[in-house]
Amino acid sequence: MTLRIDIGGLPSGGLRFAASPLAELTAMLHVLAEPGHHPQLAGWAGGVWAGLRPELAERLREAEFLWRSSRADFLVPARPRPTLAEELDEVDRLDDEIYVTAALITTCGSNRVHFAAPSPLADAAARERALDLAQARGALQEAFAERLLADPAGVRTRVRGTLEQCAEAFFDLAWTDVAVRLATDLRLKNDLLKHQGIGAALASVSSAVMLAPDGDHIIVDKLQDSATTARDTGVTFLPSVFGRPHLVAVYAPGWQPVVQYPVAEASPSEPVSLETVTLRLEALAHPVRLRLLRTLARGPHTTGELAHAWGLSPPEVSRHLAVLRRAGLLTARRQGRYVRYTANLTDLTALGADLLAAVLR
């Protein structure tokens, strides 16, 4: 399962390493929304939540779909600016169609959702499909999608205001230290790129990123097989302190490819019994179960959503989920007429940092 980025004929300077305040703020917001993905930052997340004003805490919950399971493309800039305000200005320049499409994809919880034509802003059938998909994710997602489609300008203004309040509440203070660490990483990457070439620079990003033997493609180990091109736009790599263990890739049609990679050190795993390890590794031995688990690590999904995402039948998905549940790797929770399954990240952590990083990649 890989993402292939075509860089054939990419001009000098087409591959960039740069820091983005907005992408790092988004990584922090993901930590706050999914602290189980980041046990090493649990103390930081708890402290931030404890210090937030109730109004800001509510704002984060109402818009968390933009950064919880995946990141809205406009929150991971291809051309970073020096300040958060400048990057938010760039987001403001996007038209409503682009903004709403990116926001709906994350809200509806599927990277296979596309609203190309007709537009859900203008077409009633497309709007209903978008709302149905959001409803399947939950009541909060449905409410956010309804507001977004009814008043995109108002939602955009509110989201920007929320991000600006986050800057005042915790980001500005954290960024002072983070910016230094990112600058150190960028010096290393750009030095490797200049003196040893693209292959060496990519190898230093992650073991999940490499230059293909043909030299014309970047290979990124991701959740599903896909491909994109950077020939005309270039590709940008953004280091992140708060992003570990995630490797975030933005490559939707119309967007310049961007990869946000972690620079922080992995925390050591806790030892578990051999019997538990054996049971869980046997459950993960099947490639389909591993794919399902990687999807569930991004957030809760129903059997139907998993079947649609991977082109499987619901009974086949159910059989694999049963094996993972017996191994203690999943939790099931009924919400109305839906049963949603969630990966038990604590137990995955017990199996080792490399496995956790792989399923969260």
Protein backbone atom coordinates (compact mmCIF):
# COMPACT_ATOMS: atom_id res chain seq x y z
CA MET A 1 0.00 0.00 0.00
CA THR A 2 1.80 3.09 -1.24
CA LEU A 3 1.38 6.61 -2.53
CA ARG A 4 3.48 7.23 -5.65
CA ILE A 5 4.35 10.87 -6.39
CA ASP A 6 5.59 11.41 -9.94
CA ILE A 7 8.53 13.84 -9.91
CA GLY A 8 9.87 13.05 -13.38
CA GLY A 9 11.30 16.22 -14.90
CA LEU A 10 10.88 18.16 -11.66
CA PRO A 11 12.98 21.34 -11.94
CA SER A 12 15.64 22.33 -9.43
CA GLY A 13 13.95 23.62 -6.32
CA GLY A 14 10.78 21.66 -7.03
CA LEU A 15 11.25 19.60 -3.87
CA ARG A 16 11.05 21.84 -0.81
CA PHE A 17 11.52 21.43 2.92
CA ALA A 18 9.86 24.21 4.92
CA ALA A 19 8.10 24.89 8.23
CA SER A 20 4.41 25.78 8.42
CA PRO A 21 2.84 27.37 11.50
CA LEU A 22 -0.66 26.40 10.31
CA ALA A 23 0.28 22.75 9.71
CA GLU A 24 1.87 22.57 13.15
CA LEU A 25 -1.19 24.12 14.80
CA THR A 26 -3.30 21.54 12.99
CA ALA A 27 -1.04 18.78 14.34
CA MET A 28 -1.55 20.17 17.86
CA LEU A 29 -5.32 20.20 17.34
CA HIS A 30 -5.17 16.57 16.24
CA VAL A 31 -3.32 15.72 19.47
CA LEU A 32 -6.06 17.43 21.45
CA ALA A 33 -8.75 15.54 19.53
CA GLU A 34 -6.98 12.16 19.58
CA PRO A 35 -4.64 12.05 22.61
CA GLY A 36 -4.59 8.24 22.37
CA HIS A 37 -2.53 8.58 19.18
CA HIS A 38 0.11 10.53 21.10
CA PRO A 39 0.73 9.05 24.56
CA GLN A 40 3.96 11.00 24.89
CA LEU A 41 1.94 14.24 24.68
CA ALA A 42 -0.87 13.25 27.05
CA GLY A 43 0.38 15.63 29.73
CA TRP A 44 0.54 18.53 27.31
CA ALA A 45 -2.94 17.79 25.95
CA GLY A 46 -4.43 17.53 29.44
CA GLY A 47 -2.89 20.82 30.46
CA VAL A 48 -4.20 22.61 27.38
CA TRP A 49 -7.74 21.28 27.81
CA ALA A 50 -7.72 22.26 31.47
CA GLY A 51 -6.74 25.83 30.61
CA LEU A 52 -9.13 26.43 27.69
CA ARG A 53 -12.05 28.76 28.06
CA PRO A 54 -15.32 26.81 27.74
CA GLU A 55 -16.30 28.70 24.58
CA LEU A 56 -13.04 27.80 22.82
CA ALA A 57 -13.28 24.18 23.96
CA GLU A 58 -16.75 23.99 22.41
CA ARG A 59 -15.51 25.56 19.19
CA LEU A 60 -12.77 22.93 18.92
CA ARG A 61 -15.25 20.11 19.36
CA GLU A 62 -17.66 21.47 16.75
CA ALA A 63 -14.93 21.73 14.07
CA GLU A 64 -12.69 18.81 15.07
CA PHE A 65 -13.63 16.88 11.93
CA LEU A 66 -11.21 19.12 10.03
CA TRP A 67 -8.23 17.60 11.82
CA ARG A 68 -9.30 14.53 13.82
CA SER A 69 -9.20 11.50 11.48
CA SER A 70 -7.44 13.28 8.64
CA ARG A 71 -6.50 16.87 7.84
CA ALA A 72 -8.46 19.19 5.61
CA ASP A 73 -6.15 19.91 2.70
CA PHE A 74 -6.21 23.68 3.22
CA LEU A 75 -4.72 23.20 6.72
CA VAL A 76 -1.50 21.69 5.31
CA PRO A 77 -0.01 24.48 3.13
CA ALA A 78 2.04 23.65 0.06
CA ARG A 79 3.67 27.07 0.21
CA PRO A 80 4.21 27.86 3.90
CA ARG A 81 4.40 31.45 5.09
CA PRO A 82 6.42 32.80 8.02
CA THR A 83 3.39 33.50 10.22
CA LEU A 84 0.09 31.84 11.03
CA ALA A 85 -1.81 34.99 10.05
CA GLU A 86 -0.29 34.96 6.55
CA GLU A 87 -1.20 31.30 6.08
CA LEU A 88 -4.76 31.92 7.24
CA ASP A 89 -4.95 34.75 4.71
CA GLU A 90 -4.01 32.22 2.01
CA VAL A 91 -6.86 29.96 3.16
CA ASP A 92 -9.25 32.92 2.94
CA ARG A 93 -8.36 33.31 -0.74
CA LEU A 94 -9.73 29.85 -1.61
CA ASP A 95 -13.16 29.90 -3.19
CA ASP A 96 -16.08 28.34 -1.33
CA GLU A 97 -16.22 25.31 -3.63
CA ILE A 98 -12.65 24.24 -2.87
CA TYR A 99 -12.97 24.95 0.86
CA VAL A 100 -16.30 23.17 1.28
CA THR A 101 -15.20 20.11 -0.70
CA ALA A 102 -12.07 19.67 1.43
CA ALA A 103 -14.04 20.21 4.65
CA LEU A 104 -16.76 17.74 3.66
CA ILE A 105 -14.25 15.02 2.82
CA THR A 106 -12.81 15.13 6.33
CA THR A 107 -16.22 15.58 7.98
CA CYS A 108 -17.71 12.60 6.14
CA GLY A 109 -14.71 10.48 7.11
CA SER A 110 -13.81 9.02 3.72
CA ASN A 111 -10.97 9.82 1.36
CA ARG A 112 -13.11 8.26 -1.37
CA VAL A 113 -15.77 10.94 -1.10
CA HIS A 114 -15.63 13.28 -4.06
CA PHE A 115 -17.89 16.24 -4.79
CA ALA A 116 -16.59 17.17 -8.22
CA ALA A 117 -19.85 17.86 -10.08
CA PRO A 118 -22.53 18.76 -9.40
CA SER A 119 -21.69 20.88 -6.39
CA PRO A 120 -23.36 20.23 -3.02
CA LEU A 121 -23.54 24.01 -2.67
CA ALA A 122 -25.89 24.21 -5.65
CA ASP A 123 -27.32 20.74 -6.33
CA ALA A 124 -29.94 19.30 -3.97
CA ALA A 125 -29.07 15.65 -4.67
CA ALA A 126 -25.35 16.24 -4.07
CA ARG A 127 -26.21 18.10 -0.88
CA GLU A 128 -28.34 15.21 0.40
CA ARG A 129 -25.58 12.72 -0.35
CA ALA A 130 -23.11 14.84 1.58
CA LEU A 131 -25.46 15.08 4.54
CA ASP A 132 -26.19 11.34 4.48
CA LEU A 133 -22.47 10.58 4.61
CA ALA A 134 -21.98 13.04 7.47
CA GLN A 135 -24.97 11.57 9.35
CA ALA A 136 -23.37 8.13 9.18
CA ARG A 137 -20.38 9.58 11.03
CA GLY A 138 -22.49 11.05 13.85
CA ALA A 139 -24.83 13.83 14.93
CA LEU A 140 -22.04 16.38 15.40
CA GLN A 141 -20.68 15.71 11.92
CA GLU A 142 -24.14 16.07 10.43
CA ALA A 143 -24.70 19.37 12.23
CA PHE A 144 -21.33 20.74 11.07
CA ALA A 145 -22.01 19.70 7.45
CA GLU A 146 -25.44 21.34 7.56
CA ARG A 147 -23.96 24.62 8.79
CA LEU A 148 -21.15 24.46 6.24
CA LEU A 149 -23.52 23.94 3.30
CA ALA A 150 -26.06 26.51 4.51
CA ASP A 151 -23.56 29.27 5.34
CA PRO A 152 -20.03 28.54 4.08
CA ALA A 153 -18.85 32.12 4.63
CA GLY A 154 -20.04 32.09 8.23
CA VAL A 155 -18.42 28.73 8.98
CA ARG A 156 -15.15 29.84 7.36
CA THR A 157 -15.08 32.98 9.48
CA ARG A 158 -15.81 30.98 12.61
CA VAL A 159 -13.12 28.38 11.86
CA ARG A 160 -10.52 31.09 11.29
CA GLY A 161 -11.57 32.78 14.53
CA THR A 162 -11.20 29.47 16.35
CA LEU A 163 -7.67 29.00 15.02
CA GLU A 164 -6.75 32.55 16.01
CA GLN A 165 -8.06 31.94 19.53
CA CYS A 166 -5.96 28.75 19.68
CA ALA A 167 -2.90 30.83 18.83
CA GLU A 168 -3.57 33.06 21.82
CA ALA A 169 -4.47 30.19 24.13
CA PHE A 170 -1.58 27.78 23.52
CA PHE A 171 -0.04 27.82 20.04
CA ASP A 172 2.05 31.00 20.24
CA LEU A 173 3.77 29.80 23.40
CA ALA A 174 4.45 26.32 22.03
CA TRP A 175 5.59 27.64 18.66
CA THR A 176 8.50 29.50 20.23
CA ASP A 177 10.16 26.19 21.11
CA VAL A 178 8.80 24.20 18.19
CA ALA A 179 10.12 26.65 15.59
CA VAL A 180 13.67 26.13 16.84
CA ARG A 181 13.38 22.35 16.58
CA LEU A 182 11.87 22.55 13.12
CA ALA A 183 14.63 24.91 11.97
CA THR A 184 17.24 22.41 13.16
CA ASP A 185 15.59 19.61 11.20
CA LEU A 186 15.23 21.79 8.11
CA ARG A 187 18.93 22.65 8.12
CA LEU A 188 19.74 18.93 8.06
CA LYS A 189 17.24 18.11 5.32
CA ASN A 190 18.22 21.00 3.07
CA ASP A 191 21.92 20.23 3.54
CA LEU A 192 21.33 16.61 2.50
CA LEU A 193 19.24 17.75 -0.46
CA LYS A 194 21.93 20.15 -1.61
CA HIS A 195 24.99 17.94 -1.14
CA GLN A 196 23.70 14.36 -1.43
CA GLY A 197 20.55 14.65 -3.49
CA ILE A 198 16.87 13.81 -3.24
CA GLY A 199 17.37 10.17 -2.24
CA ALA A 200 19.41 11.02 0.86
CA ALA A 201 17.02 13.78 1.90
CA LEU A 202 13.99 11.51 1.58
CA ALA A 203 15.72 8.70 3.47
CA SER A 204 16.22 11.08 6.39
CA VAL A 205 12.50 11.91 6.51
CA SER A 206 11.22 8.45 7.41
CA SER A 207 11.76 4.78 6.60
CA ALA A 208 8.29 5.04 5.01
CA VAL A 209 9.50 7.56 2.39
CA MET A 210 11.95 6.72 -0.37
CA LEU A 211 13.03 7.56 -3.89
CA ALA A 212 12.02 4.87 -6.38
CA PRO A 213 14.85 3.12 -8.30
CA ASP A 214 13.84 4.97 -11.46
CA GLY A 215 14.46 8.28 -9.71
CA ASP A 216 11.18 9.62 -11.07
CA HIS A 217 8.85 8.76 -8.19
CA ILE A 218 8.66 9.32 -4.45
CA ILE A 219 7.19 6.29 -2.68
CA VAL A 220 5.26 6.91 0.55
CA ASP A 221 3.89 4.03 2.64
CA LYS A 222 0.28 5.04 3.21
CA LEU A 223 -3.14 3.58 3.92
CA GLN A 224 -4.11 2.78 0.35
CA ASP A 225 -2.55 2.52 -3.09
CA SER A 226 -2.73 5.82 -4.94
CA ALA A 227 -0.75 8.05 -7.24
CA THR A 228 -0.35 11.74 -7.99
CA THR A 229 2.03 14.01 -9.84
CA ALA A 230 4.27 16.87 -8.77
CA ARG A 231 5.75 17.58 -12.20
CA ASP A 232 4.07 20.95 -12.63
CA THR A 233 3.73 22.00 -9.01
CA GLY A 234 6.60 20.51 -7.02
CA VAL A 235 6.25 18.72 -3.69
CA THR A 236 6.63 20.15 -0.19
CA PHE A 237 7.80 18.37 2.98
CA LEU A 238 6.80 19.90 6.33
CA PRO A 239 8.52 18.78 9.55
CA SER A 240 6.34 18.46 12.66
CA VAL A 241 7.12 18.11 16.35
CA PHE A 242 3.54 17.36 17.37
CA GLY A 243 2.77 15.11 14.40
CA ARG A 244 4.46 11.90 15.54
CA PRO A 245 3.74 9.15 14.62
CA HIS A 246 1.65 10.36 11.68
CA LEU A 247 2.90 10.83 8.15
CA VAL A 248 0.28 13.12 6.59
CA ALA A 249 0.02 13.34 2.80
CA VAL A 250 -2.12 15.83 0.86
CA TYR A 251 -2.46 14.84 -2.78
CA ALA A 252 -6.08 15.34 -3.86
CA PRO A 253 -6.63 16.48 -7.47
CA GLY A 254 -5.98 20.18 -7.73
CA TRP A 255 -3.72 20.29 -4.68
CA GLN A 256 0.08 20.39 -4.75
CA PRO A 257 1.45 17.26 -3.03
CA VAL A 258 2.48 17.92 0.57
CA VAL A 259 3.92 15.51 3.14
CA GLN A 260 4.04 16.40 6.84
CA TYR A 261 6.51 14.18 8.67
CA PRO A 262 7.42 13.81 12.38
CA VAL A 263 10.77 14.89 13.79
CA ALA A 264 10.20 13.98 17.48
CA GLU A 265 11.71 10.84 18.99
CA ALA A 266 9.46 7.83 19.46
CA SER A 267 8.60 6.87 23.02
CA PRO A 268 9.58 3.36 24.19
CA SER A 269 6.93 0.66 24.14
CA GLU A 270 5.74 -1.16 27.22
CA PRO A 271 6.41 -4.93 27.47
CA VAL A 272 3.44 -7.33 27.23
CA SER A 273 3.09 -11.08 27.71
CA LEU A 274 4.21 -13.50 25.00
CA GLU A 275 0.72 -15.05 24.94
CA THR A 276 -0.88 -11.67 24.27
CA VAL A 277 1.67 -10.79 21.62
CA THR A 278 1.13 -14.13 19.87
CA LEU A 279 -2.65 -13.79 19.86
CA ARG A 280 -2.54 -10.28 18.48
CA LEU A 281 0.12 -10.94 15.87
CA GLU A 282 -1.89 -13.90 14.59
CA ALA A 283 -4.90 -11.61 14.25
CA LEU A 284 -2.78 -9.12 12.29
CA ALA A 285 -1.21 -11.73 10.03
CA HIS A 286 -3.99 -11.42 7.44
CA PRO A 287 -3.41 -8.43 5.11
CA VAL A 288 -7.11 -7.52 5.01
CA ARG A 289 -7.30 -7.31 8.81
CA LEU A 290 -4.22 -5.12 8.86
CA ARG A 291 -5.81 -2.79 6.31
CA LEU A 292 -9.02 -2.61 8.31
CA LEU A 293 -7.06 -1.86 11.47
CA ARG A 294 -5.13 0.92 9.76
CA THR A 295 -8.43 2.47 8.70
CA LEU A 296 -9.90 2.13 12.20
CA ALA A 297 -6.83 3.73 13.73
CA ARG A 298 -7.89 6.93 11.94
CA GLY A 299 -11.24 6.94 13.73
CA PRO A 300 -14.43 4.92 14.32
CA HIS A 301 -16.03 3.27 11.29
CA THR A 302 -19.06 1.09 10.66
CA THR A 303 -18.93 -2.27 8.89
CA GLY A 304 -20.61 -0.71 5.86
CA GLU A 305 -18.06 2.12 5.67
CA LEU A 306 -15.17 -0.34 5.87
CA ALA A 307 -16.72 -2.52 3.19
CA HIS A 308 -17.15 0.49 0.88
CA ALA A 309 -13.66 1.80 1.53
CA TRP A 310 -11.93 -1.48 0.67
CA GLY A 311 -14.33 -2.96 -1.88
CA LEU A 312 -15.31 -5.87 0.37
CA SER A 313 -18.66 -7.41 1.27
CA PRO A 314 -20.11 -6.53 4.72
CA PRO A 315 -20.09 -10.23 5.82
CA GLU A 316 -16.40 -10.53 4.92
CA VAL A 317 -15.60 -7.39 6.90
CA SER A 318 -17.62 -8.68 9.86
CA ARG A 319 -15.62 -11.93 9.95
CA HIS A 320 -12.33 -10.06 10.05
CA LEU A 321 -13.59 -7.62 12.69
CA ALA A 322 -14.61 -10.56 14.86
CA VAL A 323 -11.04 -11.89 14.79
CA LEU A 324 -9.63 -8.49 15.73
CA ARG A 325 -12.16 -8.11 18.54
CA ARG A 326 -11.27 -11.53 20.00
CA ALA A 327 -7.65 -10.40 20.07
CA GLY A 328 -8.69 -7.30 22.03
CA LEU A 329 -7.62 -4.92 19.28
CA LEU A 330 -11.03 -3.36 18.65
CA THR A 331 -13.86 -1.81 20.62
CA ALA A 332 -17.46 -1.74 19.34
CA ARG A 333 -19.93 0.95 20.35
CA ARG A 334 -23.54 1.31 19.22
CA GLN A 335 -24.80 4.81 18.43
CA GLY A 336 -28.40 4.76 17.23
CA ARG A 337 -28.69 2.41 14.29
CA TYR A 338 -24.93 2.32 13.71
CA VAL A 339 -22.26 0.18 15.38
CA ARG A 340 -18.87 1.82 15.15
CA TYR A 341 -15.57 0.04 15.64
CA THR A 342 -12.48 1.71 17.05
CA ALA A 343 -8.87 0.50 17.24
CA ASN A 344 -7.52 0.02 20.78
CA LEU A 345 -4.41 2.15 20.41
CA THR A 346 -3.13 1.36 23.89
CA ASP A 347 -2.93 -2.34 23.03
CA LEU A 348 -1.29 -1.57 19.71
CA THR A 349 1.29 0.49 21.56
CA ALA A 350 2.04 -2.56 23.71
CA LEU A 351 2.95 -4.48 20.55
CA GLY A 352 5.64 -1.95 19.70
CA ALA A 353 6.29 1.54 18.45
CA ASP A 354 6.97 0.37 14.88
CA LEU A 355 3.56 -1.34 14.60
CA LEU A 356 1.78 1.66 16.09
CA ALA A 357 3.55 3.98 13.68
CA ALA A 358 2.62 1.73 10.75
CA VAL A 359 -1.11 1.66 11.48
CA LEU A 360 -1.24 5.38 12.24
CA ARG A 361 0.83 6.38 9.21
